[in-house]
Amino acid sequence: MSGKNFKVGDLVFAKMKGFPHWPARVCKSETGYKKRVPVYYFGTHQTYVSPSLRLSVCWRKFPCGLCCCCCLSQRNRPV
């Protein structure tokens, strides 16, 4: 996922200012943003349009111990 080219359905960790990275799924863009990516946060069931620079591929392990496993259990749940 180099170059920050995310597709609908990709599993990511999204970072919102003031909050830690959180598992999310890339959603369909209704407005055609070019530098921002709509995401659906697992657990909180909230959506947010995030700058692509604040998204990380879900398969990377973070210092806090999160990894792809926490995303996978919810990835197929309807939004």
N, C-alpha and C. Protein backbone atom coordinates (compact mmCIF):
# COMPACT_ATOMS: atom_id res chain seq x y z
N MET A 1 0.81 -1.18 0.00
CA MET A 1 0.00 0.00 0.00
C MET A 1 0.87 1.25 0.00
N SER A 2 1.97 1.18 -0.67
CA SER A 2 2.84 2.34 -0.70
C SER A 2 2.19 3.44 -1.54
N GLY A 3 2.53 4.66 -1.24
CA GLY A 3 1.95 5.77 -1.98
C GLY A 3 0.59 6.18 -1.45
N LYS A 4 0.14 5.55 -0.38
CA LYS A 4 -1.13 5.90 0.25
C LYS A 4 -2.31 5.78 -0.70
N ASN A 5 -2.32 4.76 -1.56
CA ASN A 5 -3.45 4.51 -2.44
C ASN A 5 -4.35 3.47 -1.79
N PHE A 6 -5.37 3.95 -1.10
CA PHE A 6 -6.27 3.05 -0.39
C PHE A 6 -7.51 2.79 -1.22
N LYS A 7 -8.03 1.57 -1.12
CA LYS A 7 -9.24 1.18 -1.85
C LYS A 7 -10.35 0.91 -0.84
N VAL A 8 -11.59 0.99 -1.31
CA VAL A 8 -12.74 0.67 -0.46
C VAL A 8 -12.58 -0.74 0.08
N GLY A 9 -12.75 -0.89 1.39
CA GLY A 9 -12.63 -2.19 2.03
C GLY A 9 -11.27 -2.46 2.65
N ASP A 10 -10.27 -1.63 2.35
CA ASP A 10 -8.94 -1.82 2.95
C ASP A 10 -9.01 -1.64 4.45
N LEU A 11 -8.28 -2.47 5.17
CA LEU A 11 -8.20 -2.36 6.62
C LEU A 11 -7.02 -1.47 6.97
N VAL A 12 -7.27 -0.48 7.81
CA VAL A 12 -6.24 0.50 8.16
C VAL A 12 -6.30 0.82 9.65
N PHE A 13 -5.28 1.50 10.13
CA PHE A 13 -5.33 2.15 11.43
C PHE A 13 -5.41 3.64 11.12
N ALA A 14 -6.47 4.29 11.57
CA ALA A 14 -6.67 5.71 11.32
C ALA A 14 -6.32 6.50 12.56
N LYS A 15 -5.70 7.64 12.36
CA LYS A 15 -5.27 8.50 13.48
C LYS A 15 -6.06 9.79 13.44
N MET A 16 -6.77 10.08 14.52
CA MET A 16 -7.47 11.34 14.68
C MET A 16 -6.74 12.15 15.74
N LYS A 17 -6.63 13.44 15.55
CA LYS A 17 -5.90 14.28 16.50
C LYS A 17 -6.46 14.11 17.91
N GLY A 18 -5.56 13.84 18.85
CA GLY A 18 -5.96 13.67 20.24
C GLY A 18 -6.36 12.25 20.62
N PHE A 19 -6.33 11.33 19.66
CA PHE A 19 -6.70 9.94 19.90
C PHE A 19 -5.62 9.02 19.36
N PRO A 20 -5.52 7.79 19.89
CA PRO A 20 -4.53 6.85 19.35
C PRO A 20 -4.98 6.29 18.00
N HIS A 21 -4.07 5.61 17.31
CA HIS A 21 -4.45 4.91 16.08
C HIS A 21 -5.58 3.94 16.43
N TRP A 22 -6.55 3.80 15.53
CA TRP A 22 -7.70 2.95 15.80
C TRP A 22 -8.00 2.14 14.55
N PRO A 23 -8.38 0.86 14.70
CA PRO A 23 -8.69 0.04 13.52
C PRO A 23 -9.92 0.56 12.79
N ALA A 24 -9.82 0.58 11.46
CA ALA A 24 -10.90 1.12 10.64
C ALA A 24 -10.90 0.44 9.28
N ARG A 25 -11.98 0.67 8.54
CA ARG A 25 -12.11 0.17 7.17
C ARG A 25 -12.38 1.36 6.26
N VAL A 26 -11.74 1.39 5.10
CA VAL A 26 -11.95 2.46 4.13
C VAL A 26 -13.34 2.30 3.52
N CYS A 27 -14.11 3.40 3.51
CA CYS A 27 -15.47 3.42 2.98
C CYS A 27 -15.49 4.05 1.59
N LYS A 28 -16.64 3.95 0.95
CA LYS A 28 -16.83 4.58 -0.35
C LYS A 28 -16.94 6.09 -0.17
N SER A 29 -16.26 6.84 -1.02
CA SER A 29 -16.29 8.30 -0.95
C SER A 29 -17.51 8.82 -1.68
N GLU A 30 -18.33 9.58 -0.98
CA GLU A 30 -19.53 10.17 -1.58
C GLU A 30 -19.20 11.48 -2.30
N THR A 31 -18.11 12.12 -1.91
CA THR A 31 -17.81 13.45 -2.43
C THR A 31 -16.61 13.51 -3.35
N GLY A 32 -15.91 12.42 -3.54
CA GLY A 32 -14.77 12.39 -4.45
C GLY A 32 -13.53 13.10 -3.94
N TYR A 33 -13.28 13.01 -2.64
CA TYR A 33 -12.06 13.60 -2.08
C TYR A 33 -10.84 13.00 -2.74
N LYS A 34 -9.82 13.82 -2.97
CA LYS A 34 -8.59 13.32 -3.57
C LYS A 34 -7.51 13.06 -2.52
N LYS A 35 -7.43 13.90 -1.49
CA LYS A 35 -6.38 13.75 -0.48
C LYS A 35 -6.93 13.27 0.86
N ARG A 36 -8.23 13.00 0.92
CA ARG A 36 -8.85 12.54 2.16
C ARG A 36 -9.59 11.23 1.90
N VAL A 37 -9.61 10.39 2.90
CA VAL A 37 -10.18 9.04 2.76
C VAL A 37 -11.25 8.82 3.83
N PRO A 38 -12.48 8.48 3.44
CA PRO A 38 -13.50 8.19 4.45
C PRO A 38 -13.25 6.83 5.09
N VAL A 39 -13.32 6.78 6.42
CA VAL A 39 -13.09 5.52 7.14
C VAL A 39 -14.21 5.26 8.13
N TYR A 40 -14.43 3.98 8.42
CA TYR A 40 -15.40 3.52 9.41
C TYR A 40 -14.61 2.90 10.55
N TYR A 41 -14.75 3.46 11.76
CA TYR A 41 -14.02 2.97 12.93
C TYR A 41 -14.71 1.76 13.54
N PHE A 42 -13.97 0.67 13.72
CA PHE A 42 -14.51 -0.51 14.39
C PHE A 42 -14.65 -0.23 15.88
N GLY A 43 -15.66 -0.79 16.48
CA GLY A 43 -15.88 -0.62 17.92
C GLY A 43 -16.72 0.59 18.24
N THR A 44 -16.38 1.75 17.67
CA THR A 44 -17.15 2.97 17.93
C THR A 44 -18.25 3.17 16.91
N HIS A 45 -18.13 2.51 15.75
CA HIS A 45 -19.11 2.59 14.66
C HIS A 45 -19.30 4.02 14.16
N GLN A 46 -18.23 4.81 14.18
CA GLN A 46 -18.27 6.18 13.68
C GLN A 46 -17.54 6.25 12.35
N THR A 47 -17.89 7.24 11.55
CA THR A 47 -17.18 7.47 10.30
C THR A 47 -16.48 8.82 10.37
N TYR A 48 -15.42 8.96 9.58
CA TYR A 48 -14.61 10.17 9.58
C TYR A 48 -13.89 10.24 8.24
N VAL A 49 -13.73 11.43 7.71
CA VAL A 49 -12.96 11.60 6.49
C VAL A 49 -11.57 12.05 6.90
N SER A 50 -10.61 11.16 6.74
CA SER A 50 -9.25 11.36 7.26
C SER A 50 -8.28 11.73 6.15
N PRO A 51 -7.33 12.61 6.44
CA PRO A 51 -6.24 12.82 5.48
C PRO A 51 -5.49 11.50 5.31
N SER A 52 -5.13 11.15 4.09
CA SER A 52 -4.48 9.86 3.85
C SER A 52 -3.15 9.74 4.59
N LEU A 53 -2.54 10.85 4.95
CA LEU A 53 -1.28 10.79 5.70
C LEU A 53 -1.47 10.25 7.11
N ARG A 54 -2.70 10.26 7.61
CA ARG A 54 -2.97 9.77 8.97
C ARG A 54 -3.46 8.32 8.98
N LEU A 55 -3.36 7.65 7.85
CA LEU A 55 -3.76 6.25 7.77
C LEU A 55 -2.53 5.37 7.63
N SER A 56 -2.56 4.22 8.29
CA SER A 56 -1.47 3.25 8.19
C SER A 56 -2.06 1.90 7.82
N VAL A 57 -1.31 1.15 7.06
CA VAL A 57 -1.75 -0.18 6.67
C VAL A 57 -1.95 -1.03 7.91
N CYS A 58 -2.99 -1.81 7.91
CA CYS A 58 -3.38 -2.58 9.09
C CYS A 58 -2.40 -3.69 9.44
N TRP A 59 -1.57 -4.09 8.52
CA TRP A 59 -0.69 -5.24 8.77
C TRP A 59 0.57 -4.88 9.53
N ARG A 60 0.76 -3.61 9.83
CA ARG A 60 1.94 -3.17 10.57
C ARG A 60 1.65 -3.25 12.07
N LYS A 61 2.62 -3.63 12.85
CA LYS A 61 2.44 -3.68 14.30
C LYS A 61 2.84 -2.34 14.91
N PHE A 62 2.03 -1.84 15.82
CA PHE A 62 2.27 -0.56 16.46
C PHE A 62 2.90 -0.75 17.82
N PRO A 63 3.58 0.28 18.36
CA PRO A 63 4.23 0.18 19.66
C PRO A 63 3.27 -0.21 20.79
N CYS A 64 2.01 0.16 20.67
CA CYS A 64 1.05 -0.15 21.73
C CYS A 64 0.61 -1.61 21.69
N GLY A 65 1.06 -2.37 20.68
CA GLY A 65 0.76 -3.80 20.61
C GLY A 65 -0.40 -4.14 19.70
N LEU A 66 -1.06 -3.15 19.11
CA LEU A 66 -2.16 -3.43 18.19
C LEU A 66 -1.61 -4.02 16.90
N CYS A 67 -2.36 -4.91 16.30
CA CYS A 67 -1.98 -5.45 15.01
C CYS A 67 -3.24 -5.75 14.23
N CYS A 68 -3.11 -6.42 13.11
CA CYS A 68 -4.25 -6.65 12.24
C CYS A 68 -5.33 -7.51 12.89
N CYS A 69 -5.01 -8.29 13.88
CA CYS A 69 -5.97 -9.22 14.47
C CYS A 69 -7.22 -8.52 15.00
N CYS A 70 -7.05 -7.35 15.61
CA CYS A 70 -8.21 -6.68 16.19
C CYS A 70 -9.14 -6.14 15.11
N CYS A 71 -8.65 -5.90 13.91
CA CYS A 71 -9.50 -5.45 12.81
C CYS A 71 -10.27 -6.60 12.18
N LEU A 72 -9.60 -7.71 12.03
CA LEU A 72 -10.16 -8.81 11.26
C LEU A 72 -11.46 -9.35 11.81
N SER A 73 -11.66 -9.28 13.10
CA SER A 73 -12.89 -9.82 13.67
C SER A 73 -14.12 -9.02 13.27
N GLN A 74 -13.96 -7.77 12.85
CA GLN A 74 -15.10 -6.93 12.53
C GLN A 74 -15.14 -6.50 11.07
N ARG A 75 -14.21 -6.92 10.25
CA ARG A 75 -14.10 -6.37 8.90
C ARG A 75 -15.30 -6.64 8.02
N ASN A 76 -16.02 -7.74 8.23
CA ASN A 76 -17.14 -8.07 7.36
C ASN A 76 -18.49 -7.63 7.91
N ARG A 77 -18.48 -6.93 9.03
CA ARG A 77 -19.74 -6.44 9.59
C ARG A 77 -20.27 -5.31 8.73
N PRO A 78 -21.58 -5.24 8.53
CA PRO A 78 -22.14 -4.15 7.73
C PRO A 78 -21.93 -2.80 8.40
N VAL A 79 -21.78 -1.79 7.58
CA VAL A 79 -21.56 -0.43 8.11
C VAL A 79 -22.88 0.20 8.46
